[in-house]
Every structure is written in C-alpha cells, then in structure tokens.
Amino acid sequence: MKTEDTEFAITPCQITYKGKELPLGKPLDAWIQLLGTYSRHTGRGYVWDSLGIAINDWEANHEYVK
C-alpha cells in the first residue's frame, strides 16, 4: 500500500494527510490550508472533529505547531 492510498500515513520520517506532508514546525495557517478550518479551539490547541485529530500549540505561544 502506498501512503497516498490512505487519508493519514505515519512513517519514521513524516506524517502525511492525503499524500501531503503535515507541516510540523510551521504556523497554524499552514495546517488550516491543508486540513481546512478547525472545528474548535480548546485554549491549548485546535481540534478538527471531523478528522479525529487535534494539534497542541500552546508551548509555542500559538505561533507554530510542534
């Protein structure tokens, strides 16, 4: 199976969504561009309920996704 055949793929080197690399270390806007608008903000991160994922950016002062 190729990583492009699934929505999410995790390898030792990267995480991809629909064949595109998730932008670790990049601003939240890069995630929104790839995943669409998040469902909610929890005060410590952002949640995409329809995708079943959340990102935590509070350690980076809401600037970058670690």
C-alpha atoms as a PDB file:
ATOM      1  CA  MET A   1       0.000   0.000   0.000  1.00  0.00           C
ATOM      2  CA  LYS A   2       1.266   3.471  -0.856  1.00  0.00           C
ATOM      3  CA  THR A   3       0.851   6.344   1.606  1.00  0.00           C
ATOM      4  CA  GLU A   4      -1.299   8.135  -0.995  1.00  0.00           C
ATOM      5  CA  ASP A   5      -3.920   5.356  -0.643  1.00  0.00           C
ATOM      6  CA  THR A   6      -4.927   6.405   2.887  1.00  0.00           C
ATOM      7  CA  GLU A   7      -6.004   9.700   4.443  1.00  0.00           C
ATOM      8  CA  PHE A   8      -3.289   9.657   7.131  1.00  0.00           C
ATOM      9  CA  ALA A   9       0.047   7.867   6.974  1.00  0.00           C
ATOM     10  CA  ILE A  10       2.767   7.846   9.612  1.00  0.00           C
ATOM     11  CA  THR A  11       6.322   6.828   8.781  1.00  0.00           C
ATOM     12  CA  PRO A  12       9.522   7.263  10.797  1.00  0.00           C
ATOM     13  CA  CYS A  13      10.247  10.393   8.739  1.00  0.00           C
ATOM     14  CA  GLN A  14       6.901  12.175   8.303  1.00  0.00           C
ATOM     15  CA  ILE A  15       3.149  12.286   8.740  1.00  0.00           C
ATOM     16  CA  THR A  16       1.013  12.804   5.664  1.00  0.00           C
ATOM     17  CA  TYR A  17      -2.646  13.591   5.006  1.00  0.00           C
ATOM     18  CA  LYS A  18      -3.979  12.584   1.584  1.00  0.00           C
ATOM     19  CA  GLY A  19      -0.404  12.327   0.323  1.00  0.00           C
ATOM     20  CA  LYS A  20       0.665  15.785   1.553  1.00  0.00           C
ATOM     21  CA  GLU A  21       3.132  16.188   4.398  1.00  0.00           C
ATOM     22  CA  LEU A  22       1.713  17.685   7.598  1.00  0.00           C
ATOM     23  CA  PRO A  23       3.591  20.907   8.276  1.00  0.00           C
ATOM     24  CA  LEU A  24       5.275  20.230  11.637  1.00  0.00           C
ATOM     25  CA  GLY A  25       7.082  23.295  12.941  1.00  0.00           C
ATOM     26  CA  LYS A  26       5.009  25.599  10.750  1.00  0.00           C
ATOM     27  CA  PRO A  27       2.378  28.222  11.633  1.00  0.00           C
ATOM     28  CA  LEU A  28      -1.246  27.201  12.217  1.00  0.00           C
ATOM     29  CA  ASP A  29      -2.190  28.804   8.882  1.00  0.00           C
ATOM     30  CA  ALA A  30      -0.237  26.080   7.076  1.00  0.00           C
ATOM     31  CA  TRP A  31      -2.356  23.438   8.846  1.00  0.00           C
ATOM     32  CA  ILE A  32      -5.577  25.246   8.017  1.00  0.00           C
ATOM     33  CA  GLN A  33      -4.520  25.421   4.377  1.00  0.00           C
ATOM     34  CA  LEU A  34      -4.012  21.641   4.306  1.00  0.00           C
ATOM     35  CA  LEU A  35      -6.813  20.412   6.609  1.00  0.00           C
ATOM     36  CA  GLY A  36      -9.394  23.179   6.333  1.00  0.00           C
ATOM     37  CA  THR A  37     -10.782  25.272   9.172  1.00  0.00           C
ATOM     38  CA  TYR A  38     -10.571  23.631  12.584  1.00  0.00           C
ATOM     39  CA  SER A  39     -13.764  22.796  14.476  1.00  0.00           C
ATOM     40  CA  ARG A  40     -12.795  24.344  17.786  1.00  0.00           C
ATOM     41  CA  HIS A  41     -10.028  25.902  19.834  1.00  0.00           C
ATOM     42  CA  THR A  42      -9.552  24.494  23.332  1.00  0.00           C
ATOM     43  CA  GLY A  43      -7.210  27.128  24.725  1.00  0.00           C
ATOM     44  CA  ARG A  44      -4.317  24.681  24.407  1.00  0.00           C
ATOM     45  CA  GLY A  45      -4.748  23.568  20.825  1.00  0.00           C
ATOM     46  CA  TYR A  46      -7.001  23.163  17.816  1.00  0.00           C
ATOM     47  CA  VAL A  47      -9.355  20.291  17.000  1.00  0.00           C
ATOM     48  CA  TRP A  48     -10.637  19.005  13.662  1.00  0.00           C
ATOM     49  CA  ASP A  49     -13.550  16.905  14.940  1.00  0.00           C
ATOM     50  CA  SER A  50     -14.466  15.533  11.511  1.00  0.00           C
ATOM     51  CA  LEU A  51     -10.902  14.222  11.032  1.00  0.00           C
ATOM     52  CA  GLY A  52     -10.458  12.998  14.602  1.00  0.00           C
ATOM     53  CA  ILE A  53      -7.242  14.954  15.166  1.00  0.00           C
ATOM     54  CA  ALA A  54      -6.028  17.763  17.367  1.00  0.00           C
ATOM     55  CA  ILE A  55      -2.822  19.751  17.487  1.00  0.00           C
ATOM     56  CA  ASN A  56      -1.226  21.283  20.523  1.00  0.00           C
ATOM     57  CA  ASP A  57       0.447  24.634  20.012  1.00  0.00           C
ATOM     58  CA  TRP A  58       0.368  26.180  23.479  1.00  0.00           C
ATOM     59  CA  GLU A  59       4.063  25.507  24.118  1.00  0.00           C
ATOM     60  CA  ALA A  60       4.930  27.612  21.059  1.00  0.00           C
ATOM     61  CA  ASN A  61       2.825  30.588  22.167  1.00  0.00           C
ATOM     62  CA  HIS A  62       0.240  29.803  19.489  1.00  0.00           C
ATOM     63  CA  GLU A  63       2.721  30.564  16.725  1.00  0.00           C
ATOM     64  CA  TYR A  64       3.962  27.187  15.490  1.00  0.00           C
ATOM     65  CA  VAL A  65       2.771  23.610  15.630  1.00  0.00           C
ATOM     66  CA  LYS A  66       5.292  21.284  17.266  1.00  0.00           C
END
